[in-house]
PDB file of N, CA and C in Angstrom:
ATOM      1  N   MET A   1     113.732 -66.943-148.823  1.00  0.00           N
ATOM      2  CA  MET A   1     114.944 -66.409-148.957  1.00  0.00           C
ATOM      3  C   MET A   1     115.377 -66.607-150.495  1.00  0.00           C
ATOM      4  N   ARG A   2     115.874 -65.487-150.998  1.00  0.00           N
ATOM      5  CA  ARG A   2     116.239 -65.484-152.478  1.00  0.00           C
ATOM      6  C   ARG A   2     117.513 -66.253-152.653  1.00  0.00           C
ATOM      7  N   ILE A   3     117.825 -66.545-154.031  1.00  0.00           N
ATOM      8  CA  ILE A   3     118.842 -67.436-154.265  1.00  0.00           C
ATOM      9  C   ILE A   3     120.229 -67.021-153.813  1.00  0.00           C
ATOM     10  N   GLY A   4     120.492 -65.688-153.858  1.00  0.00           N
ATOM     11  CA  GLY A   4     121.833 -65.159-153.486  1.00  0.00           C
ATOM     12  C   GLY A   4     122.046 -65.232-151.970  1.00  0.00           C
ATOM     13  N   ASP A   5     120.984 -65.040-151.142  1.00  0.00           N
ATOM     14  CA  ASP A   5     121.031 -65.161-149.754  1.00  0.00           C
ATOM     15  C   ASP A   5     121.155 -66.659-149.373  1.00  0.00           C
ATOM     16  N   ALA A   6     120.436 -67.498-150.018  1.00  0.00           N
ATOM     17  CA  ALA A   6     120.437 -68.920-149.729  1.00  0.00           C
ATOM     18  C   ALA A   6     121.866 -69.474-150.007  1.00  0.00           C
ATOM     19  N   ALA A   7     122.399 -69.062-151.151  1.00  0.00           N
ATOM     20  CA  ALA A   7     123.842 -69.526-151.557  1.00  0.00           C
ATOM     21  C   ALA A   7     124.769 -69.020-150.531  1.00  0.00           C
ATOM     22  N   ALA A   8     124.662 -67.800-150.138  1.00  0.00           N
ATOM     23  CA  ALA A   8     125.649 -67.302-149.124  1.00  0.00           C
ATOM     24  C   ALA A   8     125.453 -68.091-147.799  1.00  0.00           C
ATOM     25  N   ALA A   9     124.317 -68.405-147.421  1.00  0.00           N
ATOM     26  CA  ALA A   9     123.986 -69.088-146.144  1.00  0.00           C
ATOM     27  C   ALA A   9     124.643 -70.500-146.167  1.00  0.00           C
ATOM     28  N   VAL A  10     124.822 -71.139-147.238  1.00  0.00           N
ATOM     29  CA  VAL A  10     125.376 -72.440-147.293  1.00  0.00           C
ATOM     30  C   VAL A  10     126.790 -72.564-147.873  1.00  0.00           C
ATOM     31  N   GLY A  11     127.383 -71.420-148.170  1.00  0.00           N
ATOM     32  CA  GLY A  11     128.739 -71.303-148.658  1.00  0.00           C
ATOM     33  C   GLY A  11     128.863 -71.708-150.154  1.00  0.00           C
ATOM     34  N   ALA A  12     127.818 -71.372-150.907  1.00  0.00           N
ATOM     35  CA  ALA A  12     127.865 -71.741-152.321  1.00  0.00           C
ATOM     36  C   ALA A  12     127.623 -70.524-153.126  1.00  0.00           C
ATOM     37  N   THR A  13     127.422 -70.682-154.525  1.00  0.00           N
ATOM     38  CA  THR A  13     127.077 -69.601-155.288  1.00  0.00           C
ATOM     39  C   THR A  13     125.697 -69.876-155.900  1.00  0.00           C
ATOM     40  N   PRO A  14     125.048 -68.771-156.315  1.00  0.00           N
ATOM     41  CA  PRO A  14     123.728 -68.954-157.008  1.00  0.00           C
ATOM     42  C   PRO A  14     123.803 -69.920-158.092  1.00  0.00           C
ATOM     43  N   ARG A  15     124.882 -69.923-158.844  1.00  0.00           N
ATOM     44  CA  ARG A  15     125.068 -70.817-160.042  1.00  0.00           C
ATOM     45  C   ARG A  15     125.160 -72.245-159.570  1.00  0.00           C
ATOM     46  N   ALA A  16     125.768 -72.462-158.431  1.00  0.00           N
ATOM     47  CA  ALA A  16     125.878 -73.890-157.815  1.00  0.00           C
ATOM     48  C   ALA A  16     124.506 -74.323-157.440  1.00  0.00           C
ATOM     49  N   LEU A  17     123.612 -73.458-156.924  1.00  0.00           N
ATOM     50  CA  LEU A  17     122.263 -73.913-156.490  1.00  0.00           C
ATOM     51  C   LEU A  17     121.481 -74.330-157.725  1.00  0.00           C
ATOM     52  N   ARG A  18     121.607 -73.460-158.799  1.00  0.00           N
ATOM     53  CA  ARG A  18     120.901 -73.804-160.017  1.00  0.00           C
ATOM     54  C   ARG A  18     121.389 -75.100-160.561  1.00  0.00           C
ATOM     55  N   PHE A  19     122.690 -75.346-160.482  1.00  0.00           N
ATOM     56  CA  PHE A  19     123.300 -76.635-160.976  1.00  0.00           C
ATOM     57  C   PHE A  19     122.719 -77.786-160.176  1.00  0.00           C
ATOM     58  N   TYR A  20     122.697 -77.682-158.758  1.00  0.00           N
ATOM     59  CA  TYR A  20     122.156 -78.804-157.924  1.00  0.00           C
ATOM     60  C   TYR A  20     120.675 -79.038-158.342  1.00  0.00           C
ATOM     61  N   GLU A  21     119.937 -78.000-158.549  1.00  0.00           N
ATOM     62  CA  GLU A  21     118.529 -78.200-158.962  1.00  0.00           C
ATOM     63  C   GLU A  21     118.396 -78.824-160.312  1.00  0.00           C
ATOM     64  N   GLN A  22     119.281 -78.412-161.325  1.00  0.00           N
ATOM     65  CA  GLN A  22     119.220 -79.007-162.654  1.00  0.00           C
ATOM     66  C   GLN A  22     119.653 -80.465-162.547  1.00  0.00           C
ATOM     67  N   ARG A  23     120.488 -80.866-161.700  1.00  0.00           N
ATOM     68  CA  ARG A  23     120.965 -82.259-161.662  1.00  0.00           C
ATOM     69  C   ARG A  23     120.015 -83.077-160.787  1.00  0.00           C
ATOM     70  N   GLY A  24     119.031 -82.489-160.190  1.00  0.00           N
ATOM     71  CA  GLY A  24     118.084 -83.306-159.397  1.00  0.00           C
ATOM     72  C   GLY A  24     118.436 -83.463-157.928  1.00  0.00           C
ATOM     73  N   LEU A  25     119.495 -82.789-157.409  1.00  0.00           N
ATOM     74  CA  LEU A  25     119.925 -82.912-156.050  1.00  0.00           C
ATOM     75  C   LEU A  25     118.971 -82.170-155.125  1.00  0.00           C
ATOM     76  N   LEU A  26     118.262 -81.137-155.624  1.00  0.00           N
ATOM     77  CA  LEU A  26     117.374 -80.220-154.913  1.00  0.00           C
ATOM     78  C   LEU A  26     116.126 -80.091-155.659  1.00  0.00           C
ATOM     79  N   SER A  27     114.979 -80.301-154.917  1.00  0.00           N
ATOM     80  CA  SER A  27     113.733 -80.122-155.557  1.00  0.00           C
ATOM     81  C   SER A  27     113.552 -78.606-155.987  1.00  0.00           C
ATOM     82  N   PRO A  28     112.867 -78.386-157.016  1.00  0.00           N
ATOM     83  CA  PRO A  28     112.732 -76.964-157.436  1.00  0.00           C
ATOM     84  C   PRO A  28     111.981 -76.212-156.275  1.00  0.00           C
ATOM     85  N   PRO A  29     112.578 -75.088-155.747  1.00  0.00           N
ATOM     86  CA  PRO A  29     112.086 -74.405-154.724  1.00  0.00           C
ATOM     87  C   PRO A  29     110.795 -73.676-155.109  1.00  0.00           C
ATOM     88  N   ARG A  30     110.039 -73.150-154.100  1.00  0.00           N
ATOM     89  CA  ARG A  30     108.905 -72.314-154.379  1.00  0.00           C
ATOM     90  C   ARG A  30     109.293 -71.114-155.218  1.00  0.00           C
ATOM     91  N   ARG A  31     108.360 -70.550-155.804  1.00  0.00           N
ATOM     92  CA  ARG A  31     108.634 -69.293-156.639  1.00  0.00           C
ATOM     93  C   ARG A  31     107.931 -68.139-156.058  1.00  0.00           C
ATOM     94  N   THR A  32     108.435 -66.967-156.049  1.00  0.00           N
ATOM     95  CA  THR A  32     107.662 -65.784-155.757  1.00  0.00           C
ATOM     96  C   THR A  32     106.771 -65.390-156.777  1.00  0.00           C
ATOM     97  N   ALA A  33     105.819 -64.418-156.620  1.00  0.00           N
ATOM     98  CA  ALA A  33     104.948 -63.907-157.605  1.00  0.00           C
ATOM     99  C   ALA A  33     105.695 -63.431-158.794  1.00  0.00           C
ATOM    100  N   ALA A  34     106.919 -62.949-158.540  1.00  0.00           N
ATOM    101  CA  ALA A  34     107.719 -62.460-159.689  1.00  0.00           C
ATOM    102  C   ALA A  34     108.501 -63.517-160.345  1.00  0.00           C
ATOM    103  N   GLY A  35     108.407 -64.800-159.891  1.00  0.00           N
ATOM    104  CA  GLY A  35     109.146 -65.916-160.529  1.00  0.00           C
ATOM    105  C   GLY A  35     110.523 -66.274-159.942  1.00  0.00           C
ATOM    106  N   GLN A  36     110.886 -65.545-158.830  1.00  0.00           N
ATOM    107  CA  GLN A  36     112.181 -65.827-158.307  1.00  0.00           C
ATOM    108  C   GLN A  36     112.064 -67.022-157.403  1.00  0.00           C
ATOM    109  N   ARG A  37     113.250 -67.672-157.267  1.00  0.00           N
ATOM    110  CA  ARG A  37     113.278 -68.810-156.389  1.00  0.00           C
ATOM    111  C   ARG A  37     113.209 -68.344-154.907  1.00  0.00           C
ATOM    112  N   ASP A  38     112.445 -69.098-154.060  1.00  0.00           N
ATOM    113  CA  ASP A  38     112.317 -68.727-152.691  1.00  0.00           C
ATOM    114  C   ASP A  38     112.619 -69.977-151.862  1.00  0.00           C
ATOM    115  N   TYR A  39     113.805 -69.952-151.282  1.00  0.00           N
ATOM    116  CA  TYR A  39     114.244 -71.075-150.483  1.00  0.00           C
ATOM    117  C   TYR A  39     113.803 -70.968-149.046  1.00  0.00           C
ATOM    118  N   GLY A  40     113.314 -72.071-148.540  1.00  0.00           N
ATOM    119  CA  GLY A  40     112.887 -72.156-147.159  1.00  0.00           C
ATOM    120  C   GLY A  40     113.913 -72.933-146.346  1.00  0.00           C
ATOM    121  N   PRO A  41     113.655 -73.093-144.986  1.00  0.00           N
ATOM    122  CA  PRO A  41     114.552 -73.790-144.142  1.00  0.00           C
ATOM    123  C   PRO A  41     114.834 -75.232-144.530  1.00  0.00           C
ATOM    124  N   ASP A  42     113.868 -75.953-145.040  1.00  0.00           N
ATOM    125  CA  ASP A  42     114.009 -77.378-145.434  1.00  0.00           C
ATOM    126  C   ASP A  42     114.945 -77.397-146.665  1.00  0.00           C
ATOM    127  N   ASP A  43     114.811 -76.359-147.618  1.00  0.00           N
ATOM    128  CA  ASP A  43     115.736 -76.351-148.723  1.00  0.00           C
ATOM    129  C   ASP A  43     117.179 -76.107-148.258  1.00  0.00           C
ATOM    130  N   LEU A  44     117.337 -75.204-147.269  1.00  0.00           N
ATOM    131  CA  LEU A  44     118.723 -74.913-146.837  1.00  0.00           C
ATOM    132  C   LEU A  44     119.283 -76.085-146.167  1.00  0.00           C
ATOM    133  N   ALA A  45     118.488 -76.835-145.328  1.00  0.00           N
ATOM    134  CA  ALA A  45     119.012 -78.085-144.742  1.00  0.00           C
ATOM    135  C   ALA A  45     119.526 -79.000-145.725  1.00  0.00           C
ATOM    136  N   VAL A  46     118.808 -79.251-146.775  1.00  0.00           N
ATOM    137  CA  VAL A  46     119.242 -80.123-147.977  1.00  0.00           C
ATOM    138  C   VAL A  46     120.462 -79.617-148.555  1.00  0.00           C
ATOM    139  N   LEU A  47     120.538 -78.364-148.817  1.00  0.00           N
ATOM    140  CA  LEU A  47     121.675 -77.752-149.483  1.00  0.00           C
ATOM    141  C   LEU A  47     122.981 -77.964-148.629  1.00  0.00           C
ATOM    142  N   ARG A  48     122.800 -77.725-147.308  1.00  0.00           N
ATOM    143  CA  ARG A  48     124.000 -77.973-146.392  1.00  0.00           C
ATOM    144  C   ARG A  48     124.417 -79.370-146.447  1.00  0.00           C
ATOM    145  N   THR A  49     123.487 -80.306-146.462  1.00  0.00           N
ATOM    146  CA  THR A  49     123.806 -81.730-146.544  1.00  0.00           C
ATOM    147  C   THR A  49     124.540 -82.039-147.819  1.00  0.00           C
ATOM    148  N   VAL A  50     124.063 -81.500-148.965  1.00  0.00           N
ATOM    149  CA  VAL A  50     124.711 -81.691-150.269  1.00  0.00           C
ATOM    150  C   VAL A  50     126.184 -81.167-150.158  1.00  0.00           C
ATOM    151  N   ARG A  51     126.316 -79.956-149.707  1.00  0.00           N
ATOM    152  CA  ARG A  51     127.614 -79.401-149.633  1.00  0.00           C
ATOM    153  C   ARG A  51     128.534 -80.168-148.737  1.00  0.00           C
ATOM    154  N   ASP A  52     128.064 -80.679-147.581  1.00  0.00           N
ATOM    155  CA  ASP A  52     128.864 -81.523-146.699  1.00  0.00           C
ATOM    156  C   ASP A  52     129.267 -82.817-147.408  1.00  0.00           C
ATOM    157  N   LEU A  53     128.285 -83.468-148.126  1.00  0.00           N
ATOM    158  CA  LEU A  53     128.660 -84.739-148.722  1.00  0.00           C
ATOM    159  C   LEU A  53     129.623 -84.580-149.859  1.00  0.00           C
ATOM    160  N   LEU A  54     129.481 -83.487-150.604  1.00  0.00           N
ATOM    161  CA  LEU A  54     130.408 -83.170-151.757  1.00  0.00           C
ATOM    162  C   LEU A  54     131.876 -82.870-151.155  1.00  0.00           C
ATOM    163  N   ALA A  55     131.868 -82.171-149.984  1.00  0.00           N
ATOM    164  CA  ALA A  55     133.187 -81.945-149.293  1.00  0.00           C
ATOM    165  C   ALA A  55     133.827 -83.181-148.843  1.00  0.00           C
ATOM    166  N   LEU A  56     133.049 -84.200-148.583  1.00  0.00           N
ATOM    167  CA  LEU A  56     133.559 -85.554-148.083  1.00  0.00           C
ATOM    168  C   LEU A  56     134.104 -86.401-149.204  1.00  0.00           C
ATOM    169  N   GLY A  57     133.819 -85.887-150.490  1.00  0.00           N
ATOM    170  CA  GLY A  57     134.389 -86.639-151.639  1.00  0.00           C
ATOM    171  C   GLY A  57     133.371 -87.367-152.527  1.00  0.00           C
ATOM    172  N   LEU A  58     132.112 -87.318-152.110  1.00  0.00           N
ATOM    173  CA  LEU A  58     131.074 -87.902-153.010  1.00  0.00           C
ATOM    174  C   LEU A  58     130.941 -86.955-154.198  1.00  0.00           C
ATOM    175  N   THR A  59     130.503 -87.544-155.316  1.00  0.00           N
ATOM    176  CA  THR A  59     130.315 -86.735-156.500  1.00  0.00           C
ATOM    177  C   THR A  59     128.870 -86.412-156.710  1.00  0.00           C
ATOM    178  N   VAL A  60     128.562 -85.537-157.630  1.00  0.00           N
ATOM    179  CA  VAL A  60     127.220 -85.063-157.814  1.00  0.00           C
ATOM    180  C   VAL A  60     126.456 -86.345-158.425  1.00  0.00           C
ATOM    181  N   GLU A  61     127.161 -87.210-159.171  1.00  0.00           N
ATOM    182  CA  GLU A  61     126.435 -88.440-159.661  1.00  0.00           C
ATOM    183  C   GLU A  61     126.141 -89.358-158.434  1.00  0.00           C
ATOM    184  N   ASP A  62     127.014 -89.429-157.530  1.00  0.00           N
ATOM    185  CA  ASP A  62     126.655 -90.296-156.322  1.00  0.00           C
ATOM    186  C   ASP A  62     125.427 -89.819-155.636  1.00  0.00           C
ATOM    187  N   LEU A  63     125.423 -88.433-155.444  1.00  0.00           N
ATOM    188  CA  LEU A  63     124.304 -87.929-154.760  1.00  0.00           C
ATOM    189  C   LEU A  63     122.973 -88.011-155.545  1.00  0.00           C
ATOM    190  N   ARG A  64     123.162 -87.934-156.825  1.00  0.00           N
ATOM    191  CA  ARG A  64     121.981 -88.079-157.709  1.00  0.00           C
ATOM    192  C   ARG A  64     121.223 -89.385-157.416  1.00  0.00           C
ATOM    193  N   GLY A  65     121.940 -90.421-157.228  1.00  0.00           N
ATOM    194  CA  GLY A  65     121.371 -91.733-156.904  1.00  0.00           C
ATOM    195  C   GLY A  65     120.531 -91.770-155.599  1.00  0.00           C
ATOM    196  N   ILE A  66     120.812 -90.850-154.672  1.00  0.00           N
ATOM    197  CA  ILE A  66     120.170 -90.852-153.367  1.00  0.00           C
ATOM    198  C   ILE A  66     119.324 -89.504-153.251  1.00  0.00           C
ATOM    199  N   ALA A  67     119.172 -88.803-154.329  1.00  0.00           N
ATOM    200  CA  ALA A  67     118.527 -87.550-154.201  1.00  0.00           C
ATOM    201  C   ALA A  67     117.206 -87.446-153.468  1.00  0.00           C
ATOM    202  N   ASP A  68     116.429 -88.524-153.595  1.00  0.00           N
ATOM    203  CA  ASP A  68     115.157 -88.578-153.069  1.00  0.00           C
ATOM    204  C   ASP A  68     115.220 -88.749-151.564  1.00  0.00           C
ATOM    205  N   ARG A  69     116.371 -89.215-151.015  1.00  0.00           N
ATOM    206  CA  ARG A  69     116.519 -89.481-149.643  1.00  0.00           C
ATOM    207  C   ARG A  69     117.453 -88.426-148.933  1.00  0.00           C
ATOM    208  N   LEU A  70     117.945 -87.391-149.626  1.00  0.00           N
ATOM    209  CA  LEU A  70     118.748 -86.402-149.167  1.00  0.00           C
ATOM    210  C   LEU A  70     117.995 -85.682-147.939  1.00  0.00           C
ATOM    211  N   PRO A  71     116.768 -85.363-148.012  1.00  0.00           N
ATOM    212  CA  PRO A  71     116.137 -84.689-146.858  1.00  0.00           C
ATOM    213  C   PRO A  71     116.201 -85.511-145.658  1.00  0.00           C
ATOM    214  N   LEU A  72     116.258 -86.837-145.724  1.00  0.00           N
ATOM    215  CA  LEU A  72     116.361 -87.708-144.557  1.00  0.00           C
ATOM    216  C   LEU A  72     117.743 -87.613-143.926  1.00  0.00           C
ATOM    217  N   LEU A  73     118.814 -87.110-144.600  1.00  0.00           N
ATOM    218  CA  LEU A  73     120.099 -87.086-144.057  1.00  0.00           C
ATOM    219  C   LEU A  73     120.410 -85.717-143.394  1.00  0.00           C
ATOM    220  N   THR A  74     119.500 -84.829-143.495  1.00  0.00           N
ATOM    221  CA  THR A  74     119.649 -83.545-142.864  1.00  0.00           C
ATOM    222  C   THR A  74     119.643 -83.590-141.322  1.00  0.00           C
ATOM    223  N   GLY A  75     119.027 -84.709-140.781  1.00  0.00           N
ATOM    224  CA  GLY A  75     118.891 -84.731-139.309  1.00  0.00           C
ATOM    225  C   GLY A  75     117.848 -83.740-138.863  1.00  0.00           C
ATOM    226  N   ARG A  76     116.985 -83.284-139.804  1.00  0.00           N
ATOM    227  CA  ARG A  76     116.036 -82.226-139.478  1.00  0.00           C
ATOM    228  C   ARG A  76     114.639 -82.787-139.963  1.00  0.00           C
ATOM    229  N   PRO A  77     113.877 -83.254-139.010  1.00  0.00           N
ATOM    230  CA  PRO A  77     112.469 -83.734-139.418  1.00  0.00           C
ATOM    231  C   PRO A  77     111.730 -82.605-139.986  1.00  0.00           C
ATOM    232  N   PRO A  78     110.898 -83.028-141.007  1.00  0.00           N
ATOM    233  CA  PRO A  78     110.098 -81.962-141.752  1.00  0.00           C
ATOM    234  C   PRO A  78     109.229 -81.186-140.667  1.00  0.00           C
ATOM    235  N   GLY A  79     109.257 -79.911-140.830  1.00  0.00           N
ATOM    236  CA  GLY A  79     108.451 -79.092-139.966  1.00  0.00           C
ATOM    237  C   GLY A  79     109.158 -78.561-138.676  1.00  0.00           C
ATOM    238  N   CYS A  80     110.432 -78.966-138.410  1.00  0.00           N
ATOM    239  CA  CYS A  80     111.163 -78.539-137.287  1.00  0.00           C
ATOM    240  C   CYS A  80     111.882 -77.262-137.542  1.00  0.00           C
ATOM    241  N   ALA A  81     111.876 -76.437-136.561  1.00  0.00           N
ATOM    242  CA  ALA A  81     112.508 -75.078-136.700  1.00  0.00           C
ATOM    243  C   ALA A  81     113.991 -75.131-136.107  1.00  0.00           C
ATOM    244  N   PRO A  82     114.947 -74.529-136.754  1.00  0.00           N
ATOM    245  CA  PRO A  82     116.293 -74.541-136.138  1.00  0.00           C
ATOM    246  C   PRO A  82     116.274 -73.757-134.762  1.00  0.00           C
ATOM    247  N   ALA A  83     117.027 -74.280-133.876  1.00  0.00           N
ATOM    248  CA  ALA A  83     117.118 -73.508-132.542  1.00  0.00           C
ATOM    249  C   ALA A  83     118.031 -72.327-132.794  1.00  0.00           C
ATOM    250  N   GLU A  84     117.772 -71.359-132.064  1.00  0.00           N
ATOM    251  CA  GLU A  84     118.603 -70.126-132.004  1.00  0.00           C
ATOM    252  C   GLU A  84     119.892 -70.405-131.366  1.00  0.00           C
ATOM    253  N   PRO A  85     121.107 -69.920-131.842  1.00  0.00           N
ATOM    254  CA  PRO A  85     122.325 -70.156-131.121  1.00  0.00           C
ATOM    255  C   PRO A  85     122.195 -69.765-129.633  1.00  0.00           C
ATOM    256  N   GLY A  86     122.655 -70.606-128.782  1.00  0.00           N
ATOM    257  CA  GLY A  86     122.608 -70.313-127.346  1.00  0.00           C
ATOM    258  C   GLY A  86     121.184 -70.803-126.687  1.00  0.00           C
ATOM    259  N   ALA A  87     120.246 -71.316-127.563  1.00  0.00           N
ATOM    260  CA  ALA A  87     119.017 -71.700-127.010  1.00  0.00           C
ATOM    261  C   ALA A  87     119.153 -72.945-126.071  1.00  0.00           C
ATOM    262  N   ARG A  88     118.300 -73.049-125.081  1.00  0.00           N
ATOM    263  CA  ARG A  88     118.387 -74.112-124.094  1.00  0.00           C
ATOM    264  C   ARG A  88     117.490 -75.318-124.481  1.00  0.00           C
ATOM    265  N   GLY A  89     117.997 -76.519-124.480  1.00  0.00           N
ATOM    266  CA  GLY A  89     117.185 -77.655-124.656  1.00  0.00           C
ATOM    267  C   GLY A  89     116.258 -77.976-123.601  1.00  0.00           C
ATOM    268  N   PRO A  90     115.098 -78.678-123.877  1.00  0.00           N
ATOM    269  CA  PRO A  90     114.138 -79.027-122.794  1.00  0.00           C
ATOM    270  C   PRO A  90     114.690 -80.000-121.670  1.00  0.00           C
ATOM    271  N   GLU A  91     115.725 -80.811-122.089  1.00  0.00           N
ATOM    272  CA  GLU A  91     116.222 -81.688-121.131  1.00  0.00           C
ATOM    273  C   GLU A  91     117.547 -81.277-120.469  1.00  0.00           C
ATOM    274  N   SER A  92     117.910 -80.122-120.788  1.00  0.00           N
ATOM    275  CA  SER A  92     119.227 -79.670-120.275  1.00  0.00           C
ATOM    276  C   SER A  92     119.232 -78.220-120.009  1.00  0.00           C
ATOM    277  N   SER A  93     119.979 -77.735-119.079  1.00  0.00           N
ATOM    278  CA  SER A  93     120.088 -76.353-118.875  1.00  0.00           C
ATOM    279  C   SER A  93     121.304 -75.782-119.587  1.00  0.00           C
ATOM    280  N   GLU A  94     122.026 -76.591-120.321  1.00  0.00           N
ATOM    281  CA  GLU A  94     123.217 -76.208-120.979  1.00  0.00           C
ATOM    282  C   GLU A  94     122.809 -75.504-122.309  1.00  0.00           C
ATOM    283  N   PRO A  95     123.425 -74.422-122.707  1.00  0.00           N
ATOM    284  CA  PRO A  95     123.093 -73.841-124.016  1.00  0.00           C
ATOM    285  C   PRO A  95     123.405 -74.773-125.129  1.00  0.00           C
ATOM    286  N   ARG A  96     122.582 -74.730-126.138  1.00  0.00           N
ATOM    287  CA  ARG A  96     122.927 -75.551-127.362  1.00  0.00           C
ATOM    288  C   ARG A  96     123.873 -74.798-128.146  1.00  0.00           C
ATOM    289  N   SER A  97     124.666 -75.493-128.968  1.00  0.00           N
ATOM    290  CA  SER A  97     125.644 -74.842-129.779  1.00  0.00           C
ATOM    291  C   SER A  97     125.550 -75.388-131.154  1.00  0.00           C
ATOM    292  N   TRP A  98     126.208 -74.740-132.110  1.00  0.00           N
ATOM    293  CA  TRP A  98     126.269 -75.128-133.484  1.00  0.00           C
ATOM    294  C   TRP A  98     127.376 -76.163-133.522  1.00  0.00           C
ATOM    295  N   SER A  99     127.147 -77.269-134.217  1.00  0.00           N
ATOM    296  CA  SER A  99     128.045 -78.349-134.197  1.00  0.00           C
ATOM    297  C   SER A  99     128.327 -78.755-135.665  1.00  0.00           C
ATOM    298  N   GLY A 100     129.522 -78.804-136.077  1.00  0.00           N
ATOM    299  CA  GLY A 100     129.971 -79.264-137.394  1.00  0.00           C
ATOM    300  C   GLY A 100     129.212 -78.525-138.523  1.00  0.00           C
ATOM    301  N   GLY A 101     128.806 -77.266-138.365  1.00  0.00           N
ATOM    302  CA  GLY A 101     128.125 -76.536-139.386  1.00  0.00           C
ATOM    303  C   GLY A 101     126.588 -76.928-139.421  1.00  0.00           C
ATOM    304  N   SER A 102     126.103 -77.829-138.670  1.00  0.00           N
ATOM    305  CA  SER A 102     124.777 -78.175-138.613  1.00  0.00           C
ATOM    306  C   SER A 102     124.014 -77.770-137.386  1.00  0.00           C
ATOM    307  N   PRO A 103     122.950 -76.964-137.440  1.00  0.00           N
ATOM    308  CA  PRO A 103     122.369 -76.476-136.298  1.00  0.00           C
ATOM    309  C   PRO A 103     121.563 -77.669-135.524  1.00  0.00           C
ATOM    310  N   ARG A 104     121.409 -77.485-134.295  1.00  0.00           N
ATOM    311  CA  ARG A 104     120.587 -78.388-133.494  1.00  0.00           C
ATOM    312  C   ARG A 104     119.113 -77.935-133.674  1.00  0.00           C
ATOM    313  N   TRP A 105     118.208 -78.844-133.495  1.00  0.00           N
ATOM    314  CA  TRP A 105     116.797 -78.549-133.711  1.00  0.00           C
ATOM    315  C   TRP A 105     116.029 -78.644-132.466  1.00  0.00           C
ATOM    316  N   THR A 106     114.963 -77.837-132.438  1.00  0.00           N
ATOM    317  CA  THR A 106     114.061 -77.776-131.255  1.00  0.00           C
ATOM    318  C   THR A 106     112.628 -78.083-131.687  1.00  0.00           C
ATOM    319  N   ARG A 107     111.791 -78.289-130.716  1.00  0.00           N
ATOM    320  CA  ARG A 107     110.324 -78.421-131.090  1.00  0.00           C
ATOM    321  C   ARG A 107     109.724 -77.249-131.605  1.00  0.00           C
ATOM    322  N   THR A 108     108.795 -77.410-132.633  1.00  0.00           N
ATOM    323  CA  THR A 108     108.079 -76.287-133.076  1.00  0.00           C
ATOM    324  C   THR A 108     107.039 -75.863-132.128  1.00  0.00           C
ATOM    325  N   SER A 109     106.452 -74.684-132.396  1.00  0.00           N
ATOM    326  CA  SER A 109     105.523 -74.147-131.311  1.00  0.00           C
ATOM    327  C   SER A 109     104.423 -75.129-131.066  1.00  0.00           C
ATOM    328  N   ASN A 110     104.064 -75.964-132.098  1.00  0.00           N
ATOM    329  CA  ASN A 110     102.980 -76.961-131.776  1.00  0.00           C
ATOM    330  C   ASN A 110     103.403 -78.165-131.153  1.00  0.00           C
ATOM    331  N   GLY A 111     104.685 -78.259-130.809  1.00  0.00           N
ATOM    332  CA  GLY A 111     105.301 -79.468-130.111  1.00  0.00           C
ATOM    333  C   GLY A 111     105.138 -80.768-130.933  1.00  0.00           C
ATOM    334  N   SER A 112     105.273 -80.669-132.191  1.00  0.00           N
ATOM    335  CA  SER A 112     105.134 -81.890-133.002  1.00  0.00           C
ATOM    336  C   SER A 112     106.189 -82.872-132.724  1.00  0.00           C
ATOM    337  N   PRO A 113     105.766 -84.188-132.679  1.00  0.00           N
ATOM    338  CA  PRO A 113     106.736 -85.234-132.315  1.00  0.00           C
ATOM    339  C   PRO A 113     107.906 -85.364-133.404  1.00  0.00           C
ATOM    340  N   GLY A 114     108.954 -85.837-132.903  1.00  0.00           N
ATOM    341  CA  GLY A 114     110.124 -86.020-133.752  1.00  0.00           C
ATOM    342  C   GLY A 114     110.978 -84.694-133.926  1.00  0.00           C
ATOM    343  N   CYS A 115     110.590 -83.663-133.361  1.00  0.00           N
ATOM    344  CA  CYS A 115     111.303 -82.429-133.582  1.00  0.00           C
ATOM    345  C   CYS A 115     112.188 -82.039-132.282  1.00  0.00           C
ATOM    346  N   GLY A 116     112.415 -83.063-131.399  1.00  0.00           N
ATOM    347  CA  GLY A 116     113.203 -82.750-130.217  1.00  0.00           C
ATOM    348  C   GLY A 116     114.644 -82.598-130.531  1.00  0.00           C
ATOM    349  N   THR A 117     115.397 -82.350-129.489  1.00  0.00           N
ATOM    350  CA  THR A 117     116.846 -82.170-129.768  1.00  0.00           C
ATOM    351  C   THR A 117     117.449 -83.485-130.195  1.00  0.00           C
ATOM    352  N   ARG A 118     118.557 -83.463-130.835  1.00  0.00           N
ATOM    353  CA  ARG A 118     119.221 -84.659-131.284  1.00  0.00           C
ATOM    354  C   ARG A 118     120.576 -84.832-130.494  1.00  0.00           C
TER     355      ARG A 118
END
């Protein structure tokens, strides 16, 4: 996902994403053959966490001190795919919903451990 689309997906601007990367809150994303930033689902999960923590009153400097642990705060184990809105969890027949701006997660197609619902 290119920077403009990624920024829109998390309610930020492309300039903000570059700023987070420059300050070390976000690892440099992959680049396309043309050199453009290419954000994946893990990057978006970290960006949402950064935005949520900033909205709670933490500063960029606060987050800089825990930047290496921000992926752990996403509630999204590496390799897990987001559930589609309305998807049903394996232990429930109730549809899943979006909660607090954070999607619920489901098992990947290979059923890797740690990717169950939360």
